[in-house]
Amino acid sequence: MGFVPCLVRSSGAAEREQVQLGHPLLDAFLEFIAGRARWNTVLATAFDLKVFFSIIETDPAQVTTADVLAFITRQRAPRRGATVVRIEDGEPGLAARTIKRRLATITGLYEYLIVRGDTGVLRNPVPRGLALRRPGHRAVRGVPLIRAPRTLPRVINPEEVDALMAALRTRRDRAMVEAMLLGGLRRCEVLGVRLEDLRPGEKRVFIAEGKGGHQRIVPLSPRFFISVAAYLETERPRPSSTDRVFVVLKGPRRGQPLTAAGLDEIVTGARTRVGLARLTCHQLRHTCFTRLREAGMALEAIQAQAGHRSIESTRLYLHLANDWLAGEYRRASEAIDAQVTPGA
């Protein structure tokens, strides 16, 4: 029996938002995800599932590995003609990271259905990789389904930072950008900061809603607290219906929490006025940690500041910091030169 999903977003009990796709197994999985992840993760999961089942048009309990491989082929197909490719990797279809994320979502769905034990699903149709077989040997899993290139994130230079800060129109906007640029906060962490989370005496901010639900306390530059104080004193509406620090300043939603789309619009507007080709909130975060590493901050300290669960996520800033690799090479090269026998 075929199945074509329809994504429906609505408000449930106690004004709790819900998202459904019209199939009991998929809706149960989304409800399970909603109990352990952020709303943005739920929406992303729902969209990935919608894309997958819209393409294969098969009931979730009847999906096969052949369906998954066919889905990958469709995702890699040219989207705007065979001659149009991305500059980043030269591919015409969706980015490998996007396909890999969607496969991870499908994998998670079927792991959930298998654990339930009442769905008739006994194996995960998403293979972990392609097996390699040599004559006289057992097959081993050696080739990943999707090879995602590991590229370095973009950062902006000090001159661009100065121009960006000058293009911001309100003290609120300046404080939010400084939270990302000077403290490395994620977009969702900036929007989630409450009045009680600010600790100006300690020059620290409590992050109550970090990625994965993890909390931490991070130091922040005095410049940020000066901007926040000016914003709270002169711009933030009084009274306000929320304890979130950053709220809408004008219009029908005045005094309500600022949304992710609102913050993106602020950054995009400033970027356009400055004339930068591309700039995102996450680029500001990358810029922060790159500058901290260039200034000599220990990698473990950057990991704690960033809220990374694994030090491997932090190591990329070693490669972004211009002086680190050159310095390490210079010291090693000098040591090698010192071992060379004179006259050899």
C-alpha atoms as a PDB file:
ATOM      1  CA  MET A   1       0.000   0.000   0.000  1.00  0.00           C
ATOM      2  CA  GLY A   2       1.414   3.373  -0.999  1.00  0.00           C
ATOM      3  CA  PHE A   3       1.720   6.309   1.361  1.00  0.00           C
ATOM      4  CA  VAL A   4       2.122  10.009   0.566  1.00  0.00           C
ATOM      5  CA  PRO A   5       2.858  12.174   3.640  1.00  0.00           C
ATOM      6  CA  CYS A   6       1.249  15.506   4.387  1.00  0.00           C
ATOM      7  CA  LEU A   7       3.047  17.673   6.936  1.00  0.00           C
ATOM      8  CA  VAL A   8       0.611  19.394   9.305  1.00  0.00           C
ATOM      9  CA  ARG A   9       1.739  21.770  12.044  1.00  0.00           C
ATOM     10  CA  SER A  10      -0.718  22.608  14.804  1.00  0.00           C
ATOM     11  CA  SER A  11      -1.082  23.506  18.491  1.00  0.00           C
ATOM     12  CA  GLY A  12      -1.996  20.700  20.858  1.00  0.00           C
ATOM     13  CA  ALA A  13      -2.806  20.502  24.540  1.00  0.00           C
ATOM     14  CA  ALA A  14      -1.436  23.297  26.751  1.00  0.00           C
ATOM     15  CA  GLU A  15      -0.534  25.287  23.588  1.00  0.00           C
ATOM     16  CA  ARG A  16       2.167  22.738  22.780  1.00  0.00           C
ATOM     17  CA  GLU A  17       3.009  22.688  19.103  1.00  0.00           C
ATOM     18  CA  GLN A  18       2.671  19.430  17.215  1.00  0.00           C
ATOM     19  CA  VAL A  19       3.700  18.235  13.786  1.00  0.00           C
ATOM     20  CA  GLN A  20       2.195  15.226  12.022  1.00  0.00           C
ATOM     21  CA  LEU A  21       2.644  13.447   8.708  1.00  0.00           C
ATOM     22  CA  GLY A  22      -0.597  11.464   8.560  1.00  0.00           C
ATOM     23  CA  HIS A  23       0.754   7.991   9.356  1.00  0.00           C
ATOM     24  CA  PRO A  24       0.506   6.540  12.895  1.00  0.00           C
ATOM     25  CA  LEU A  25       4.070   5.151  12.897  1.00  0.00           C
ATOM     26  CA  LEU A  26       5.630   8.385  11.681  1.00  0.00           C
ATOM     27  CA  ASP A  27       3.512  10.528  14.002  1.00  0.00           C
ATOM     28  CA  ALA A  28       4.464   8.338  16.968  1.00  0.00           C
ATOM     29  CA  PHE A  29       8.142   8.710  16.075  1.00  0.00           C
ATOM     30  CA  LEU A  30       7.792  12.504  15.853  1.00  0.00           C
ATOM     31  CA  GLU A  31       6.090  12.547  19.236  1.00  0.00           C
ATOM     32  CA  PHE A  32       8.978  10.488  20.614  1.00  0.00           C
ATOM     33  CA  ILE A  33      11.495  12.968  19.166  1.00  0.00           C
ATOM     34  CA  ALA A  34       9.529  15.924  20.552  1.00  0.00           C
ATOM     35  CA  GLY A  35       9.983  14.521  24.059  1.00  0.00           C
ATOM     36  CA  ARG A  36      13.765  14.571  23.833  1.00  0.00           C
ATOM     37  CA  ALA A  37      14.810  17.262  21.347  1.00  0.00           C
ATOM     38  CA  ARG A  38      14.278  20.899  20.457  1.00  0.00           C
ATOM     39  CA  TRP A  39      11.364  21.997  18.328  1.00  0.00           C
ATOM     40  CA  ASN A  40      13.682  22.858  15.440  1.00  0.00           C
ATOM     41  CA  THR A  41      14.952  19.268  15.500  1.00  0.00           C
ATOM     42  CA  VAL A  42      11.386  17.977  15.401  1.00  0.00           C
ATOM     43  CA  LEU A  43      10.595  20.154  12.379  1.00  0.00           C
ATOM     44  CA  ALA A  44      13.785  19.072  10.596  1.00  0.00           C
ATOM     45  CA  THR A  45      12.987  15.413  11.301  1.00  0.00           C
ATOM     46  CA  ALA A  46       9.443  15.816  10.017  1.00  0.00           C
ATOM     47  CA  PHE A  47      10.658  17.496   6.840  1.00  0.00           C
ATOM     48  CA  ASP A  48      13.251  14.776   6.179  1.00  0.00           C
ATOM     49  CA  LEU A  49      10.607  12.091   6.609  1.00  0.00           C
ATOM     50  CA  LYS A  50       8.209  13.962   4.335  1.00  0.00           C
ATOM     51  CA  VAL A  51      10.853  14.211   1.602  1.00  0.00           C
ATOM     52  CA  PHE A  52      11.757  10.530   1.876  1.00  0.00           C
ATOM     53  CA  PHE A  53       8.228   9.126   1.789  1.00  0.00           C
ATOM     54  CA  SER A  54       7.089  11.615  -0.859  1.00  0.00           C
ATOM     55  CA  ILE A  55       9.739  10.168  -3.154  1.00  0.00           C
ATOM     56  CA  ILE A  56       9.396   6.442  -2.485  1.00  0.00           C
ATOM     57  CA  GLU A  57       5.590   6.493  -1.865  1.00  0.00           C
ATOM     58  CA  THR A  58       5.752   3.291   0.186  1.00  0.00           C
ATOM     59  CA  ASP A  59       4.227   2.403   3.529  1.00  0.00           C
ATOM     60  CA  PRO A  60       6.872   2.772   6.293  1.00  0.00           C
ATOM     61  CA  ALA A  61       6.609  -0.912   7.277  1.00  0.00           C
ATOM     62  CA  GLN A  62       7.353  -2.017   3.706  1.00  0.00           C
ATOM     63  CA  VAL A  63      10.424   0.063   2.891  1.00  0.00           C
ATOM     64  CA  THR A  64      13.375  -1.924   1.527  1.00  0.00           C
ATOM     65  CA  THR A  65      17.066  -1.228   1.045  1.00  0.00           C
ATOM     66  CA  ALA A  66      16.377  -0.859  -2.674  1.00  0.00           C
ATOM     67  CA  ASP A  67      13.993   2.001  -1.823  1.00  0.00           C
ATOM     68  CA  VAL A  68      16.718   3.707   0.213  1.00  0.00           C
ATOM     69  CA  LEU A  69      19.269   3.380  -2.586  1.00  0.00           C
ATOM     70  CA  ALA A  70      16.736   4.730  -5.074  1.00  0.00           C
ATOM     71  CA  PHE A  71      16.142   7.681  -2.744  1.00  0.00           C
ATOM     72  CA  ILE A  72      19.876   8.441  -2.668  1.00  0.00           C
ATOM     73  CA  THR A  73      19.965   8.376  -6.472  1.00  0.00           C
ATOM     74  CA  ARG A  74      17.060  10.828  -6.652  1.00  0.00           C
ATOM     75  CA  GLN A  75      18.743  13.142  -4.159  1.00  0.00           C
ATOM     76  CA  ARG A  76      21.933  13.172  -6.236  1.00  0.00           C
ATOM     77  CA  ALA A  77      20.071  13.977  -9.457  1.00  0.00           C
ATOM     78  CA  PRO A  78      20.639  17.461 -10.965  1.00  0.00           C
ATOM     79  CA  ARG A  79      18.183  19.994  -9.591  1.00  0.00           C
ATOM     80  CA  ARG A  80      18.724  22.879 -12.032  1.00  0.00           C
ATOM     81  CA  GLY A  81      20.145  21.117 -15.050  1.00  0.00           C
ATOM     82  CA  ALA A  82      23.221  18.964 -15.481  1.00  0.00           C
ATOM     83  CA  THR A  83      25.421  21.984 -16.197  1.00  0.00           C
ATOM     84  CA  VAL A  84      24.623  23.761 -12.907  1.00  0.00           C
ATOM     85  CA  VAL A  85      26.823  22.628 -10.015  1.00  0.00           C
ATOM     86  CA  ARG A  86      27.817  23.913  -6.594  1.00  0.00           C
ATOM     87  CA  ILE A  87      31.158  25.710  -6.410  1.00  0.00           C
ATOM     88  CA  GLU A  88      31.890  24.002  -3.071  1.00  0.00           C
ATOM     89  CA  ASP A  89      32.071  20.421  -4.351  1.00  0.00           C
ATOM     90  CA  GLY A  90      31.177  20.482  -8.058  1.00  0.00           C
ATOM     91  CA  GLU A  91      28.069  18.304  -7.557  1.00  0.00           C
ATOM     92  CA  PRO A  92      24.742  19.007  -9.326  1.00  0.00           C
ATOM     93  CA  GLY A  93      22.400  17.419  -6.766  1.00  0.00           C
ATOM     94  CA  LEU A  94      21.811  18.044  -3.082  1.00  0.00           C
ATOM     95  CA  ALA A  95      24.839  18.513  -0.849  1.00  0.00           C
ATOM     96  CA  ALA A  96      26.283  15.311   0.597  1.00  0.00           C
ATOM     97  CA  ARG A  97      25.745  16.641   4.123  1.00  0.00           C
ATOM     98  CA  THR A  98      22.039  17.128   3.439  1.00  0.00           C
ATOM     99  CA  ILE A  99      21.632  13.599   2.055  1.00  0.00           C
ATOM    100  CA  LYS A 100      23.628  12.168   4.955  1.00  0.00           C
ATOM    101  CA  ARG A 101      21.431  13.982   7.472  1.00  0.00           C
ATOM    102  CA  ARG A 102      18.259  12.681   5.814  1.00  0.00           C
ATOM    103  CA  LEU A 103      19.598   9.128   5.876  1.00  0.00           C
ATOM    104  CA  ALA A 104      20.392   9.567   9.577  1.00  0.00           C
ATOM    105  CA  THR A 105      16.773  10.577  10.142  1.00  0.00           C
ATOM    106  CA  ILE A 106      15.498   7.501   8.290  1.00  0.00           C
ATOM    107  CA  THR A 107      17.935   5.299  10.227  1.00  0.00           C
ATOM    108  CA  GLY A 108      16.637   6.721  13.487  1.00  0.00           C
ATOM    109  CA  LEU A 109      13.038   6.068  12.456  1.00  0.00           C
ATOM    110  CA  TYR A 110      13.665   2.394  11.769  1.00  0.00           C
ATOM    111  CA  GLU A 111      15.735   1.889  14.910  1.00  0.00           C
ATOM    112  CA  TYR A 112      12.718   3.238  16.795  1.00  0.00           C
ATOM    113  CA  LEU A 113      10.301   0.956  14.941  1.00  0.00           C
ATOM    114  CA  ILE A 114      12.507  -2.099  15.599  1.00  0.00           C
ATOM    115  CA  VAL A 115      12.790  -1.327  19.310  1.00  0.00           C
ATOM    116  CA  ARG A 116       9.006  -0.954  19.581  1.00  0.00           C
ATOM    117  CA  GLY A 117       8.591  -4.544  18.491  1.00  0.00           C
ATOM    118  CA  ASP A 118       4.956  -4.179  17.436  1.00  0.00           C
ATOM    119  CA  THR A 119       5.371  -2.732  13.956  1.00  0.00           C
ATOM    120  CA  GLY A 120       6.443  -5.762  11.951  1.00  0.00           C
ATOM    121  CA  VAL A 121       9.772  -4.098  11.140  1.00  0.00           C
ATOM    122  CA  LEU A 122      12.622  -6.502  11.908  1.00  0.00           C
ATOM    123  CA  ARG A 123      15.609  -4.849  10.205  1.00  0.00           C
ATOM    124  CA  ASN A 124      16.755  -1.382   9.312  1.00  0.00           C
ATOM    125  CA  PRO A 125      16.544  -0.841   5.536  1.00  0.00           C
ATOM    126  CA  VAL A 126      19.268   1.816   5.659  1.00  0.00           C
ATOM    127  CA  PRO A 127      22.625   0.020   5.228  1.00  0.00           C
ATOM    128  CA  ARG A 128      25.524   1.306   7.302  1.00  0.00           C
ATOM    129  CA  GLY A 129      27.817   1.070   4.294  1.00  0.00           C
ATOM    130  CA  LEU A 130      28.663  -0.946   1.227  1.00  0.00           C
ATOM    131  CA  ALA A 131      30.430  -4.227   1.910  1.00  0.00           C
ATOM    132  CA  LEU A 132      33.740  -5.054   0.263  1.00  0.00           C
ATOM    133  CA  ARG A 133      34.538  -8.668  -0.528  1.00  0.00           C
ATOM    134  CA  ARG A 134      37.922 -10.083  -1.465  1.00  0.00           C
ATOM    135  CA  PRO A 135      38.400 -13.640  -2.760  1.00  0.00           C
ATOM    136  CA  GLY A 136      38.704 -16.044   0.171  1.00  0.00           C
ATOM    137  CA  HIS A 137      37.713 -13.445   2.748  1.00  0.00           C
ATOM    138  CA  ARG A 138      34.491 -12.455   4.493  1.00  0.00           C
ATOM    139  CA  ALA A 139      32.753  -9.318   3.333  1.00  0.00           C
ATOM    140  CA  VAL A 140      33.618  -6.271   5.408  1.00  0.00           C
ATOM    141  CA  ARG A 141      31.861  -2.926   5.541  1.00  0.00           C
ATOM    142  CA  GLY A 142      34.299  -0.491   3.987  1.00  0.00           C
ATOM    143  CA  VAL A 143      32.583   2.146   1.837  1.00  0.00           C
ATOM    144  CA  PRO A 144      30.163   4.671   3.369  1.00  0.00           C
ATOM    145  CA  LEU A 145      26.905   5.296   1.538  1.00  0.00           C
ATOM    146  CA  ILE A 146      27.599   9.013   1.415  1.00  0.00           C
ATOM    147  CA  ARG A 147      31.001  10.643   1.483  1.00  0.00           C
ATOM    148  CA  ALA A 148      30.569  14.084   3.006  1.00  0.00           C
ATOM    149  CA  PRO A 149      33.548  16.374   2.367  1.00  0.00           C
ATOM    150  CA  ARG A 150      35.053  17.917   5.474  1.00  0.00           C
ATOM    151  CA  THR A 151      35.344  21.594   4.609  1.00  0.00           C
ATOM    152  CA  LEU A 152      36.519  24.411   6.840  1.00  0.00           C
ATOM    153  CA  PRO A 153      33.849  26.914   7.915  1.00  0.00           C
ATOM    154  CA  ARG A 154      34.089  30.495   6.685  1.00  0.00           C
ATOM    155  CA  VAL A 155      35.052  33.288   9.061  1.00  0.00           C
ATOM    156  CA  ILE A 156      35.106  37.057   8.648  1.00  0.00           C
ATOM    157  CA  ASN A 157      38.173  39.236   9.137  1.00  0.00           C
ATOM    158  CA  PRO A 158      38.502  42.097  11.669  1.00  0.00           C
ATOM    159  CA  GLU A 159      37.741  44.786   9.061  1.00  0.00           C
ATOM    160  CA  GLU A 160      34.508  43.024   8.122  1.00  0.00           C
ATOM    161  CA  VAL A 161      33.628  42.675  11.810  1.00  0.00           C
ATOM    162  CA  ASP A 162      34.012  46.423  12.325  1.00  0.00           C
ATOM    163  CA  ALA A 163      31.887  47.175   9.256  1.00  0.00           C
ATOM    164  CA  LEU A 164      29.210  44.719  10.399  1.00  0.00           C
ATOM    165  CA  MET A 165      28.989  46.218  13.877  1.00  0.00           C
ATOM    166  CA  ALA A 166      28.685  49.707  12.398  1.00  0.00           C
ATOM    167  CA  ALA A 167      25.797  48.540  10.183  1.00  0.00           C
ATOM    168  CA  LEU A 168      23.654  47.301  13.094  1.00  0.00           C
ATOM    169  CA  ARG A 169      20.790  49.667  13.818  1.00  0.00           C
ATOM    170  CA  THR A 170      19.842  49.002  17.447  1.00  0.00           C
ATOM    171  CA  ARG A 171      21.555  48.259  20.733  1.00  0.00           C
ATOM    172  CA  ARG A 172      19.599  45.000  20.845  1.00  0.00           C
ATOM    173  CA  ASP A 173      21.038  43.920  17.513  1.00  0.00           C
ATOM    174  CA  ARG A 174      24.529  44.867  18.638  1.00  0.00           C
ATOM    175  CA  ALA A 175      24.203  42.857  21.860  1.00  0.00           C
ATOM    176  CA  MET A 176      22.971  39.755  20.010  1.00  0.00           C
ATOM    177  CA  VAL A 177      25.768  39.876  17.443  1.00  0.00           C
ATOM    178  CA  GLU A 178      28.349  40.411  20.206  1.00  0.00           C
ATOM    179  CA  ALA A 179      27.010  37.347  22.037  1.00  0.00           C
ATOM    180  CA  MET A 180      27.835  35.263  18.957  1.00  0.00           C
ATOM    181  CA  LEU A 181      30.970  37.111  17.905  1.00  0.00           C
ATOM    182  CA  LEU A 182      32.581  37.542  21.330  1.00  0.00           C
ATOM    183  CA  GLY A 183      31.104  34.582  23.229  1.00  0.00           C
ATOM    184  CA  GLY A 184      30.492  32.032  20.496  1.00  0.00           C
ATOM    185  CA  LEU A 185      26.858  31.482  21.433  1.00  0.00           C
ATOM    186  CA  ARG A 186      24.632  29.603  19.012  1.00  0.00           C
ATOM    187  CA  ARG A 187      21.639  31.386  17.539  1.00  0.00           C
ATOM    188  CA  CYS A 188      19.193  29.368  19.650  1.00  0.00           C
ATOM    189  CA  GLU A 189      21.270  30.077  22.770  1.00  0.00           C
ATOM    190  CA  VAL A 190      21.174  33.819  22.159  1.00  0.00           C
ATOM    191  CA  LEU A 191      17.407  33.767  21.719  1.00  0.00           C
ATOM    192  CA  GLY A 192      16.998  31.535  24.785  1.00  0.00           C
ATOM    193  CA  VAL A 193      18.846  33.801  27.238  1.00  0.00           C
ATOM    194  CA  ARG A 194      16.560  34.964  30.062  1.00  0.00           C
ATOM    195  CA  LEU A 195      16.949  38.037  32.238  1.00  0.00           C
ATOM    196  CA  GLU A 196      17.924  35.862  35.201  1.00  0.00           C
ATOM    197  CA  ASP A 197      20.650  34.176  33.111  1.00  0.00           C
ATOM    198  CA  LEU A 198      22.671  37.388  32.876  1.00  0.00           C
ATOM    199  CA  ARG A 199      25.426  37.670  35.485  1.00  0.00           C
ATOM    200  CA  PRO A 200      26.990  41.074  34.847  1.00  0.00           C
ATOM    201  CA  GLY A 201      28.965  41.082  38.091  1.00  0.00           C
ATOM    202  CA  GLU A 202      30.768  37.910  37.019  1.00  0.00           C
ATOM    203  CA  LYS A 203      30.759  38.823  33.305  1.00  0.00           C
ATOM    204  CA  ARG A 204      29.152  35.464  32.611  1.00  0.00           C
ATOM    205  CA  VAL A 205      25.954  34.120  31.055  1.00  0.00           C
ATOM    206  CA  PHE A 206      24.119  30.954  32.060  1.00  0.00           C
ATOM    207  CA  ILE A 207      23.099  28.926  29.008  1.00  0.00           C
ATOM    208  CA  ALA A 208      20.007  27.024  30.098  1.00  0.00           C
ATOM    209  CA  GLU A 209      19.042  25.740  26.650  1.00  0.00           C
ATOM    210  CA  GLY A 210      22.252  24.556  25.012  1.00  0.00           C
ATOM    211  CA  LYS A 211      22.445  22.063  22.179  1.00  0.00           C
ATOM    212  CA  GLY A 212      21.156  18.659  23.230  1.00  0.00           C
ATOM    213  CA  GLY A 213      19.671  20.150  26.399  1.00  0.00           C
ATOM    214  CA  HIS A 214      23.114  20.635  27.960  1.00  0.00           C
ATOM    215  CA  GLN A 215      23.628  23.617  30.252  1.00  0.00           C
ATOM    216  CA  ARG A 216      26.808  25.619  30.820  1.00  0.00           C
ATOM    217  CA  ILE A 217      28.095  28.943  32.126  1.00  0.00           C
ATOM    218  CA  VAL A 218      30.239  30.959  29.725  1.00  0.00           C
ATOM    219  CA  PRO A 219      32.285  34.128  30.213  1.00  0.00           C
ATOM    220  CA  LEU A 220      31.512  37.039  27.924  1.00  0.00           C
ATOM    221  CA  SER A 221      33.279  40.260  27.080  1.00  0.00           C
ATOM    222  CA  PRO A 222      32.392  43.419  29.068  1.00  0.00           C
ATOM    223  CA  ARG A 223      31.469  44.946  25.700  1.00  0.00           C
ATOM    224  CA  PHE A 224      28.499  42.572  25.528  1.00  0.00           C
ATOM    225  CA  PHE A 225      27.235  43.549  28.979  1.00  0.00           C
ATOM    226  CA  ILE A 226      27.576  47.251  28.152  1.00  0.00           C
ATOM    227  CA  SER A 227      25.456  46.723  25.030  1.00  0.00           C
ATOM    228  CA  VAL A 228      22.878  44.625  26.903  1.00  0.00           C
ATOM    229  CA  ALA A 229      22.588  47.220  29.668  1.00  0.00           C
ATOM    230  CA  ALA A 230      22.029  49.997  27.142  1.00  0.00           C
ATOM    231  CA  TYR A 231      19.405  47.896  25.331  1.00  0.00           C
ATOM    232  CA  LEU A 232      17.542  47.009  28.531  1.00  0.00           C
ATOM    233  CA  GLU A 233      17.596  50.626  29.655  1.00  0.00           C
ATOM    234  CA  THR A 234      16.538  52.365  26.459  1.00  0.00           C
ATOM    235  CA  GLU A 235      14.953  49.922  23.988  1.00  0.00           C
ATOM    236  CA  ARG A 236      13.342  46.870  25.577  1.00  0.00           C
ATOM    237  CA  PRO A 237       9.548  47.380  25.859  1.00  0.00           C
ATOM    238  CA  ARG A 238       8.079  47.739  29.346  1.00  0.00           C
ATOM    239  CA  PRO A 239       6.218  45.820  30.454  1.00  0.00           C
ATOM    240  CA  SER A 240       7.007  42.657  28.495  1.00  0.00           C
ATOM    241  CA  SER A 241       5.164  39.342  28.527  1.00  0.00           C
ATOM    242  CA  THR A 242       8.372  37.299  28.508  1.00  0.00           C
ATOM    243  CA  ASP A 243      11.541  36.903  30.554  1.00  0.00           C
ATOM    244  CA  ARG A 244      13.606  36.394  27.396  1.00  0.00           C
ATOM    245  CA  VAL A 245      16.207  39.111  27.051  1.00  0.00           C
ATOM    246  CA  PHE A 246      15.827  39.719  23.335  1.00  0.00           C
ATOM    247  CA  VAL A 247      12.343  40.657  22.161  1.00  0.00           C
ATOM    248  CA  VAL A 248      10.623  42.283  19.195  1.00  0.00           C
ATOM    249  CA  LEU A 249      10.852  46.094  19.390  1.00  0.00           C
ATOM    250  CA  LYS A 250       8.083  47.164  16.989  1.00  0.00           C
ATOM    251  CA  GLY A 251       4.870  45.939  15.396  1.00  0.00           C
ATOM    252  CA  PRO A 252       2.059  43.667  16.583  1.00  0.00           C
ATOM    253  CA  ARG A 253       4.523  41.271  18.280  1.00  0.00           C
ATOM    254  CA  ARG A 254       6.205  44.052  20.252  1.00  0.00           C
ATOM    255  CA  GLY A 255       7.529  42.710  23.537  1.00  0.00           C
ATOM    256  CA  GLN A 256       7.347  39.064  22.492  1.00  0.00           C
ATOM    257  CA  PRO A 257      10.429  36.825  22.142  1.00  0.00           C
ATOM    258  CA  LEU A 258      12.442  37.351  18.970  1.00  0.00           C
ATOM    259  CA  THR A 259      12.386  34.352  16.623  1.00  0.00           C
ATOM    260  CA  ALA A 260      15.229  32.634  14.767  1.00  0.00           C
ATOM    261  CA  ALA A 261      13.869  34.047  11.517  1.00  0.00           C
ATOM    262  CA  GLY A 262      13.927  37.524  13.061  1.00  0.00           C
ATOM    263  CA  LEU A 263      17.563  37.212  14.099  1.00  0.00           C
ATOM    264  CA  ASP A 264      18.504  35.856  10.665  1.00  0.00           C
ATOM    265  CA  GLU A 265      16.769  38.852   9.081  1.00  0.00           C
ATOM    266  CA  ILE A 266      18.784  41.240  11.260  1.00  0.00           C
ATOM    267  CA  VAL A 267      22.094  39.611  10.327  1.00  0.00           C
ATOM    268  CA  THR A 268      21.147  39.437   6.643  1.00  0.00           C
ATOM    269  CA  GLY A 269      20.162  43.098   6.619  1.00  0.00           C
ATOM    270  CA  ALA A 270      23.460  44.169   8.168  1.00  0.00           C
ATOM    271  CA  ARG A 271      25.384  41.909   5.779  1.00  0.00           C
ATOM    272  CA  THR A 272      23.622  43.468   2.788  1.00  0.00           C
ATOM    273  CA  ARG A 273      24.340  47.003   3.963  1.00  0.00           C
ATOM    274  CA  VAL A 274      28.018  46.151   4.419  1.00  0.00           C
ATOM    275  CA  GLY A 275      28.241  44.330   1.087  1.00  0.00           C
ATOM    276  CA  LEU A 276      29.375  40.929   2.356  1.00  0.00           C
ATOM    277  CA  ALA A 277      28.616  38.081  -0.038  1.00  0.00           C
ATOM    278  CA  ARG A 278      27.557  35.660   2.695  1.00  0.00           C
ATOM    279  CA  LEU A 279      27.173  35.749   6.465  1.00  0.00           C
ATOM    280  CA  THR A 280      25.251  33.573   8.916  1.00  0.00           C
ATOM    281  CA  CYS A 281      24.881  33.455  12.668  1.00  0.00           C
ATOM    282  CA  HIS A 282      26.992  30.313  12.757  1.00  0.00           C
ATOM    283  CA  GLN A 283      29.773  32.097  10.864  1.00  0.00           C
ATOM    284  CA  LEU A 284      29.911  34.619  13.692  1.00  0.00           C
ATOM    285  CA  ARG A 285      30.338  31.728  16.137  1.00  0.00           C
ATOM    286  CA  HIS A 286      33.123  30.224  14.018  1.00  0.00           C
ATOM    287  CA  THR A 287      34.810  33.612  13.830  1.00  0.00           C
ATOM    288  CA  CYS A 288      34.744  33.898  17.619  1.00  0.00           C
ATOM    289  CA  PHE A 289      36.485  30.589  18.263  1.00  0.00           C
ATOM    290  CA  THR A 290      39.000  31.129  15.475  1.00  0.00           C
ATOM    291  CA  ARG A 291      40.048  34.461  16.990  1.00  0.00           C
ATOM    292  CA  LEU A 292      40.208  32.956  20.494  1.00  0.00           C
ATOM    293  CA  ARG A 293      42.466  30.175  19.244  1.00  0.00           C
ATOM    294  CA  GLU A 294      44.686  32.661  17.392  1.00  0.00           C
ATOM    295  CA  ALA A 295      44.984  34.592  20.661  1.00  0.00           C
ATOM    296  CA  GLY A 296      46.329  31.469  22.375  1.00  0.00           C
ATOM    297  CA  MET A 297      43.245  30.104  24.138  1.00  0.00           C
ATOM    298  CA  ALA A 298      43.669  26.398  24.941  1.00  0.00           C
ATOM    299  CA  LEU A 299      41.675  23.962  22.832  1.00  0.00           C
ATOM    300  CA  GLU A 300      40.030  22.447  25.929  1.00  0.00           C
ATOM    301  CA  ALA A 301      38.910  25.908  27.025  1.00  0.00           C
ATOM    302  CA  ILE A 302      37.416  26.573  23.589  1.00  0.00           C
ATOM    303  CA  GLN A 303      35.608  23.242  23.819  1.00  0.00           C
ATOM    304  CA  ALA A 304      34.025  24.296  27.121  1.00  0.00           C
ATOM    305  CA  GLN A 305      33.142  27.750  25.776  1.00  0.00           C
ATOM    306  CA  ALA A 306      31.572  26.245  22.654  1.00  0.00           C
ATOM    307  CA  GLY A 307      29.646  23.543  24.479  1.00  0.00           C
ATOM    308  CA  HIS A 308      31.135  20.794  22.315  1.00  0.00           C
ATOM    309  CA  ARG A 309      30.644  17.290  23.666  1.00  0.00           C
ATOM    310  CA  SER A 310      33.685  16.023  21.771  1.00  0.00           C
ATOM    311  CA  ILE A 311      37.088  17.672  21.403  1.00  0.00           C
ATOM    312  CA  GLU A 312      37.059  16.515  17.768  1.00  0.00           C
ATOM    313  CA  SER A 313      34.429  19.148  17.000  1.00  0.00           C
ATOM    314  CA  THR A 314      36.776  21.788  18.369  1.00  0.00           C
ATOM    315  CA  ARG A 315      39.897  20.717  16.510  1.00  0.00           C
ATOM    316  CA  LEU A 316      38.823  22.388  13.273  1.00  0.00           C
ATOM    317  CA  TYR A 317      39.717  25.746  14.848  1.00  0.00           C
ATOM    318  CA  LEU A 318      43.319  24.616  14.836  1.00  0.00           C
ATOM    319  CA  HIS A 319      43.164  24.698  11.047  1.00  0.00           C
ATOM    320  CA  LEU A 320      41.272  27.979  10.886  1.00  0.00           C
ATOM    321  CA  ALA A 321      43.748  29.796  13.132  1.00  0.00           C
ATOM    322  CA  ASN A 322      46.333  31.151  10.679  1.00  0.00           C
ATOM    323  CA  ASP A 323      49.321  31.147  13.002  1.00  0.00           C
ATOM    324  CA  TRP A 324      48.908  27.739  14.629  1.00  0.00           C
ATOM    325  CA  LEU A 325      49.958  25.482  11.746  1.00  0.00           C
ATOM    326  CA  ALA A 326      52.690  27.853  10.599  1.00  0.00           C
ATOM    327  CA  GLY A 327      54.079  28.046  14.127  1.00  0.00           C
ATOM    328  CA  GLU A 328      54.017  24.294  14.626  1.00  0.00           C
ATOM    329  CA  TYR A 329      55.715  23.729  11.270  1.00  0.00           C
ATOM    330  CA  ARG A 330      58.359  26.365  11.977  1.00  0.00           C
ATOM    331  CA  ARG A 331      59.265  24.836  15.358  1.00  0.00           C
ATOM    332  CA  ALA A 332      59.464  21.328  13.874  1.00  0.00           C
ATOM    333  CA  SER A 333      61.473  22.536  10.888  1.00  0.00           C
ATOM    334  CA  GLU A 334      63.953  24.345  13.115  1.00  0.00           C
ATOM    335  CA  ALA A 335      64.359  21.224  15.238  1.00  0.00           C
ATOM    336  CA  ILE A 336      65.065  19.143  12.128  1.00  0.00           C
ATOM    337  CA  ASP A 337      67.555  21.706  10.801  1.00  0.00           C
ATOM    338  CA  ALA A 338      69.368  21.695  14.160  1.00  0.00           C
ATOM    339  CA  GLN A 339      69.921  17.930  13.812  1.00  0.00           C
ATOM    340  CA  VAL A 340      71.564  18.217  10.395  1.00  0.00           C
ATOM    341  CA  THR A 341      75.292  17.645  10.580  1.00  0.00           C
ATOM    342  CA  PRO A 342      77.209  20.769   9.477  1.00  0.00           C
ATOM    343  CA  GLY A 343      78.810  20.288   6.084  1.00  0.00           C
ATOM    344  CA  ALA A 344      76.621  17.295   5.210  1.00  0.00           C
END
